[in-house]
């Protein structure tokens, strides 16, 4: 699936109500990550930096302009932020936001 098709899917899908009620329902929850400290998930884990938090908020701002799906946002032990859009029960798009790059993965297959 091409990027344009993924964005169109995100734009046209209705939000999932149980995801809207999530504690990590979008950009405002990312501000809470500012209080995190290295070691938050055990020795050797890192808290997201201010730059990563800023990048994640910018990403969410741009995608929310075209998408009605509320993402699930969570910190990773590597110090990055994971943003996952659940399209339905079996399909999702995940983006990992770092200091100067994004990584994405998709699960769009159905049995």
C-alpha atoms as a PDB file:
ATOM      1  CA  UNK A   1       0.000   0.000   0.000  1.00  0.00           C
ATOM      2  CA  UNK A   2       1.391   3.426  -0.948  1.00  0.00           C
ATOM      3  CA  UNK A   3       1.699   6.369   1.412  1.00  0.00           C
ATOM      4  CA  UNK A   4      -1.132   8.245  -0.321  1.00  0.00           C
ATOM      5  CA  UNK A   5      -3.408   5.223   0.140  1.00  0.00           C
ATOM      6  CA  UNK A   6      -2.459   4.949   3.828  1.00  0.00           C
ATOM      7  CA  UNK A   7      -3.229   8.629   4.399  1.00  0.00           C
ATOM      8  CA  UNK A   8      -6.556   8.266   2.594  1.00  0.00           C
ATOM      9  CA  UNK A   9      -7.412   5.279   4.798  1.00  0.00           C
ATOM     10  CA  UNK A  10      -6.543   7.270   7.925  1.00  0.00           C
ATOM     11  CA  UNK A  11      -8.588  10.236   6.690  1.00  0.00           C
ATOM     12  CA  UNK A  12     -11.759   8.311   5.926  1.00  0.00           C
ATOM     13  CA  UNK A  13     -11.952   5.846   8.829  1.00  0.00           C
ATOM     14  CA  UNK A  14     -14.219   6.586  11.766  1.00  0.00           C
ATOM     15  CA  UNK A  15     -12.462   6.790  15.128  1.00  0.00           C
ATOM     16  CA  UNK A  16     -12.693   3.771  17.379  1.00  0.00           C
ATOM     17  CA  UNK A  17     -14.525   4.877  20.521  1.00  0.00           C
ATOM     18  CA  UNK A  18     -12.568   2.666  22.942  1.00  0.00           C
ATOM     19  CA  UNK A  19      -9.318   4.124  21.614  1.00  0.00           C
ATOM     20  CA  UNK A  20     -10.632   7.648  22.108  1.00  0.00           C
ATOM     21  CA  UNK A  21     -10.953   6.923  25.793  1.00  0.00           C
ATOM     22  CA  UNK A  22      -7.341   5.774  26.031  1.00  0.00           C
ATOM     23  CA  UNK A  23      -5.002   7.624  28.377  1.00  0.00           C
ATOM     24  CA  UNK A  24      -2.641   8.025  25.430  1.00  0.00           C
ATOM     25  CA  UNK A  25      -5.252   9.329  23.007  1.00  0.00           C
ATOM     26  CA  UNK A  26      -3.166  11.956  21.266  1.00  0.00           C
ATOM     27  CA  UNK A  27      -0.765  14.860  21.408  1.00  0.00           C
ATOM     28  CA  UNK A  28      -1.752  16.277  24.780  1.00  0.00           C
ATOM     29  CA  UNK A  29      -0.732  13.039  26.549  1.00  0.00           C
ATOM     30  CA  UNK A  30       2.795  13.402  25.175  1.00  0.00           C
ATOM     31  CA  UNK A  31       3.359  16.371  27.482  1.00  0.00           C
ATOM     32  CA  UNK A  32       3.232  13.888  30.375  1.00  0.00           C
ATOM     33  CA  UNK A  33       6.354  12.242  28.947  1.00  0.00           C
ATOM     34  CA  UNK A  34       8.357  15.369  29.935  1.00  0.00           C
ATOM     35  CA  UNK A  35       8.248  14.131  33.538  1.00  0.00           C
ATOM     36  CA  UNK A  36       9.763  10.750  32.666  1.00  0.00           C
ATOM     37  CA  UNK A  37      13.317   9.954  33.758  1.00  0.00           C
ATOM     38  CA  UNK A  38      15.851   7.484  32.390  1.00  0.00           C
ATOM     39  CA  UNK A  39      15.329   4.093  34.008  1.00  0.00           C
ATOM     40  CA  UNK A  40      11.509   4.507  34.009  1.00  0.00           C
ATOM     41  CA  UNK A  41      11.048   0.927  32.768  1.00  0.00           C
ATOM     42  CA  UNK A  42      14.094  -0.551  34.482  1.00  0.00           C
ATOM     43  CA  UNK A  43      17.864  -0.243  34.192  1.00  0.00           C
ATOM     44  CA  UNK A  44      19.119   0.723  30.737  1.00  0.00           C
ATOM     45  CA  UNK A  45      15.860   2.331  29.588  1.00  0.00           C
ATOM     46  CA  UNK A  46      15.600   5.929  28.423  1.00  0.00           C
ATOM     47  CA  UNK A  47      12.995   8.646  28.675  1.00  0.00           C
ATOM     48  CA  UNK A  48      12.005  10.508  25.492  1.00  0.00           C
ATOM     49  CA  UNK A  49      14.018  13.706  25.000  1.00  0.00           C
ATOM     50  CA  UNK A  50      12.388  17.096  24.511  1.00  0.00           C
ATOM     51  CA  UNK A  51      13.279  16.864  20.805  1.00  0.00           C
ATOM     52  CA  UNK A  52      11.526  13.502  20.438  1.00  0.00           C
ATOM     53  CA  UNK A  53       8.466  14.821  22.272  1.00  0.00           C
ATOM     54  CA  UNK A  54       8.435  17.880  19.989  1.00  0.00           C
ATOM     55  CA  UNK A  55       8.789  15.669  16.890  1.00  0.00           C
ATOM     56  CA  UNK A  56       5.961  13.367  18.019  1.00  0.00           C
ATOM     57  CA  UNK A  57       3.647  16.306  18.683  1.00  0.00           C
ATOM     58  CA  UNK A  58       4.453  17.750  15.229  1.00  0.00           C
ATOM     59  CA  UNK A  59       3.747  14.374  13.598  1.00  0.00           C
ATOM     60  CA  UNK A  60       0.434  14.000  15.440  1.00  0.00           C
ATOM     61  CA  UNK A  61      -0.562  17.541  14.530  1.00  0.00           C
ATOM     62  CA  UNK A  62      -0.002  16.926  10.827  1.00  0.00           C
ATOM     63  CA  UNK A  63      -1.738  13.546  10.740  1.00  0.00           C
ATOM     64  CA  UNK A  64      -4.692  14.673  12.855  1.00  0.00           C
ATOM     65  CA  UNK A  65      -5.418  17.310  10.213  1.00  0.00           C
ATOM     66  CA  UNK A  66      -6.311  14.492   7.787  1.00  0.00           C
ATOM     67  CA  UNK A  67      -7.294  11.604  10.073  1.00  0.00           C
ATOM     68  CA  UNK A  68     -10.252  10.979  12.328  1.00  0.00           C
ATOM     69  CA  UNK A  69      -8.601   7.998  14.024  1.00  0.00           C
ATOM     70  CA  UNK A  70      -7.298   8.704  17.516  1.00  0.00           C
ATOM     71  CA  UNK A  71      -3.926   6.990  17.898  1.00  0.00           C
ATOM     72  CA  UNK A  72      -2.551   5.046  20.815  1.00  0.00           C
ATOM     73  CA  UNK A  73       0.619   6.884  21.925  1.00  0.00           C
ATOM     74  CA  UNK A  74       3.204   5.344  24.239  1.00  0.00           C
ATOM     75  CA  UNK A  75       6.857   5.782  25.200  1.00  0.00           C
ATOM     76  CA  UNK A  76       9.346   3.065  24.328  1.00  0.00           C
ATOM     77  CA  UNK A  77      12.194   1.912  26.606  1.00  0.00           C
ATOM     78  CA  UNK A  78      14.610   3.062  23.858  1.00  0.00           C
ATOM     79  CA  UNK A  79      13.578   6.683  24.451  1.00  0.00           C
ATOM     80  CA  UNK A  80      11.426   6.949  21.340  1.00  0.00           C
ATOM     81  CA  UNK A  81       7.658   7.431  21.114  1.00  0.00           C
ATOM     82  CA  UNK A  82       5.380   4.876  19.432  1.00  0.00           C
ATOM     83  CA  UNK A  83       2.221   6.072  17.694  1.00  0.00           C
ATOM     84  CA  UNK A  84      -0.185   3.373  16.514  1.00  0.00           C
ATOM     85  CA  UNK A  85      -3.315   3.868  14.440  1.00  0.00           C
ATOM     86  CA  UNK A  86      -5.668   0.903  14.746  1.00  0.00           C
ATOM     87  CA  UNK A  87      -7.640   0.734  11.517  1.00  0.00           C
ATOM     88  CA  UNK A  88      -9.738  -2.187  12.689  1.00  0.00           C
ATOM     89  CA  UNK A  89      -9.322  -5.414  14.610  1.00  0.00           C
ATOM     90  CA  UNK A  90      -6.646  -6.874  12.328  1.00  0.00           C
ATOM     91  CA  UNK A  91      -4.910  -3.867  10.793  1.00  0.00           C
ATOM     92  CA  UNK A  92      -2.736  -1.096  12.140  1.00  0.00           C
ATOM     93  CA  UNK A  93      -0.103   1.450  11.192  1.00  0.00           C
ATOM     94  CA  UNK A  94       2.684   2.135  13.695  1.00  0.00           C
ATOM     95  CA  UNK A  95       5.210   4.956  13.654  1.00  0.00           C
ATOM     96  CA  UNK A  96       8.209   5.211  15.964  1.00  0.00           C
ATOM     97  CA  UNK A  97       9.420   8.792  16.409  1.00  0.00           C
ATOM     98  CA  UNK A  98      13.048   9.528  17.249  1.00  0.00           C
ATOM     99  CA  UNK A  99      15.318  12.579  17.387  1.00  0.00           C
ATOM    100  CA  UNK A 100      15.876  12.869  13.657  1.00  0.00           C
ATOM    101  CA  UNK A 101      14.023   9.988  12.018  1.00  0.00           C
ATOM    102  CA  UNK A 102      10.768   8.079  11.819  1.00  0.00           C
ATOM    103  CA  UNK A 103      10.347   4.338  11.420  1.00  0.00           C
ATOM    104  CA  UNK A 104       7.046   2.803  10.429  1.00  0.00           C
ATOM    105  CA  UNK A 105       5.477  -0.589  10.142  1.00  0.00           C
ATOM    106  CA  UNK A 106       2.130  -1.764   8.934  1.00  0.00           C
ATOM    107  CA  UNK A 107      -0.024  -4.758   9.587  1.00  0.00           C
ATOM    108  CA  UNK A 108      -2.544  -4.617   6.775  1.00  0.00           C
ATOM    109  CA  UNK A 109      -2.914  -8.300   5.914  1.00  0.00           C
ATOM    110  CA  UNK A 110      -6.053 -10.250   6.558  1.00  0.00           C
ATOM    111  CA  UNK A 111      -6.500 -13.986   6.660  1.00  0.00           C
END
